[in-house]
Amino acid sequence: MSFAFCFDREDDIYQFAYCYPYTYSRLQHYLASLERRNLDYLQREQLGLSVYNTLNDLQRWKREGGNEEKESRMRLQQLGLQ
């Protein structure tokens, strides 16, 4: 992979990221698996359908008071990401 970019402003901060391909289907399966767990901090609802008849949804990730760092770590562990 290669690309060209012109840095046209010296005072801006530029950041680049790369991610391996992640399909819409894979994302929907993952979100459905989270939804089945009835997690109290995740709400998902359908907003509508795209022109390709795919789901456009709204995801709400809630955080209620307490130690944010500890809660984040616990949630990552629950999701199997830590």
Protein backbone atom coordinates (compact mmCIF):
# COMPACT_ATOMS: atom_id res chain seq x y z
CA MET A 1 0.00 0.00 0.00
CA SER A 2 1.21 3.48 -0.75
CA PHE A 3 -0.27 6.93 -0.94
CA ALA A 4 0.80 10.53 -1.35
CA PHE A 5 -0.23 13.41 0.87
CA CYS A 6 0.56 17.09 0.70
CA PHE A 7 1.22 18.74 4.07
CA ASP A 8 -0.19 22.16 3.32
CA ARG A 9 -0.35 23.70 6.82
CA GLU A 10 2.58 23.79 9.21
CA ASP A 11 0.43 24.53 12.26
CA ASP A 12 -1.83 21.48 11.84
CA ILE A 13 -1.32 18.06 13.37
CA TYR A 14 -1.59 15.23 10.89
CA GLN A 15 -2.39 11.67 11.87
CA PHE A 16 -2.61 8.60 9.70
CA ALA A 17 -4.14 5.26 10.56
CA TYR A 18 -4.32 1.92 8.84
CA CYS A 19 -6.80 -0.83 9.55
CA TYR A 20 -7.18 -4.20 7.94
CA PRO A 21 -10.43 -4.70 5.98
CA TYR A 22 -13.44 -5.21 8.23
CA THR A 23 -16.69 -6.09 6.50
CA TYR A 24 -20.12 -4.73 7.28
CA SER A 25 -21.36 -8.29 7.86
CA ARG A 26 -18.61 -8.99 10.37
CA LEU A 27 -19.40 -5.76 12.23
CA GLN A 28 -23.13 -6.60 12.35
CA HIS A 29 -22.41 -10.09 13.70
CA TYR A 30 -20.15 -8.65 16.38
CA LEU A 31 -22.69 -6.01 17.41
CA ALA A 32 -25.45 -8.65 17.52
CA SER A 33 -23.31 -10.81 19.82
CA LEU A 34 -22.86 -7.83 22.16
CA GLU A 35 -26.58 -7.12 22.04
CA ARG A 36 -27.40 -10.73 23.02
CA ARG A 37 -25.33 -10.27 26.18
CA ASN A 38 -27.79 -7.60 27.42
CA LEU A 39 -24.97 -5.31 28.49
CA ASP A 40 -26.34 -2.48 30.62
CA TYR A 41 -24.07 0.12 29.02
CA LEU A 42 -24.92 -0.62 25.36
CA GLN A 43 -28.09 0.34 23.57
CA ARG A 44 -28.62 -0.23 19.88
CA GLU A 45 -31.57 0.80 17.77
CA GLN A 46 -32.39 0.86 14.09
CA LEU A 47 -32.46 4.30 12.48
CA GLY A 48 -33.39 3.08 9.01
CA LEU A 49 -32.07 1.30 5.96
CA SER A 50 -29.49 2.46 3.45
CA VAL A 51 -30.10 2.60 -0.30
CA TYR A 52 -28.46 -0.86 -0.39
CA ASN A 53 -31.03 -2.09 2.16
CA THR A 54 -28.48 -2.46 4.95
CA LEU A 55 -29.14 -1.48 8.55
CA ASN A 56 -28.22 2.00 9.73
CA ASP A 57 -28.20 1.86 13.48
CA LEU A 58 -27.54 4.08 16.45
CA GLN A 59 -25.30 2.76 19.21
CA ARG A 60 -25.25 4.33 22.64
CA TRP A 61 -22.41 3.42 24.95
CA LYS A 62 -23.18 4.67 28.46
CA ARG A 63 -20.83 5.31 31.31
CA GLU A 64 -22.21 6.00 34.75
CA GLY A 65 -20.07 7.69 37.45
CA GLY A 66 -17.35 5.88 39.30
CA ASN A 67 -13.77 5.13 38.38
CA GLU A 68 -13.64 5.52 34.59
CA GLU A 69 -10.31 3.72 34.20
CA LYS A 70 -11.46 0.77 36.30
CA GLU A 71 -14.81 0.59 34.47
CA SER A 72 -13.09 0.72 31.08
CA ARG A 73 -10.76 -2.11 32.08
CA MET A 74 -13.68 -4.20 33.35
CA ARG A 75 -15.63 -3.66 30.14
CA LEU A 76 -12.67 -4.63 27.99
CA GLN A 77 -12.32 -7.81 30.02
CA GLN A 78 -16.04 -8.56 29.63
CA LEU A 79 -15.67 -8.15 25.88
CA GLY A 80 -12.61 -10.38 25.84
CA LEU A 81 -10.36 -7.56 24.66
CA GLN A 82 -7.97 -7.42 27.60
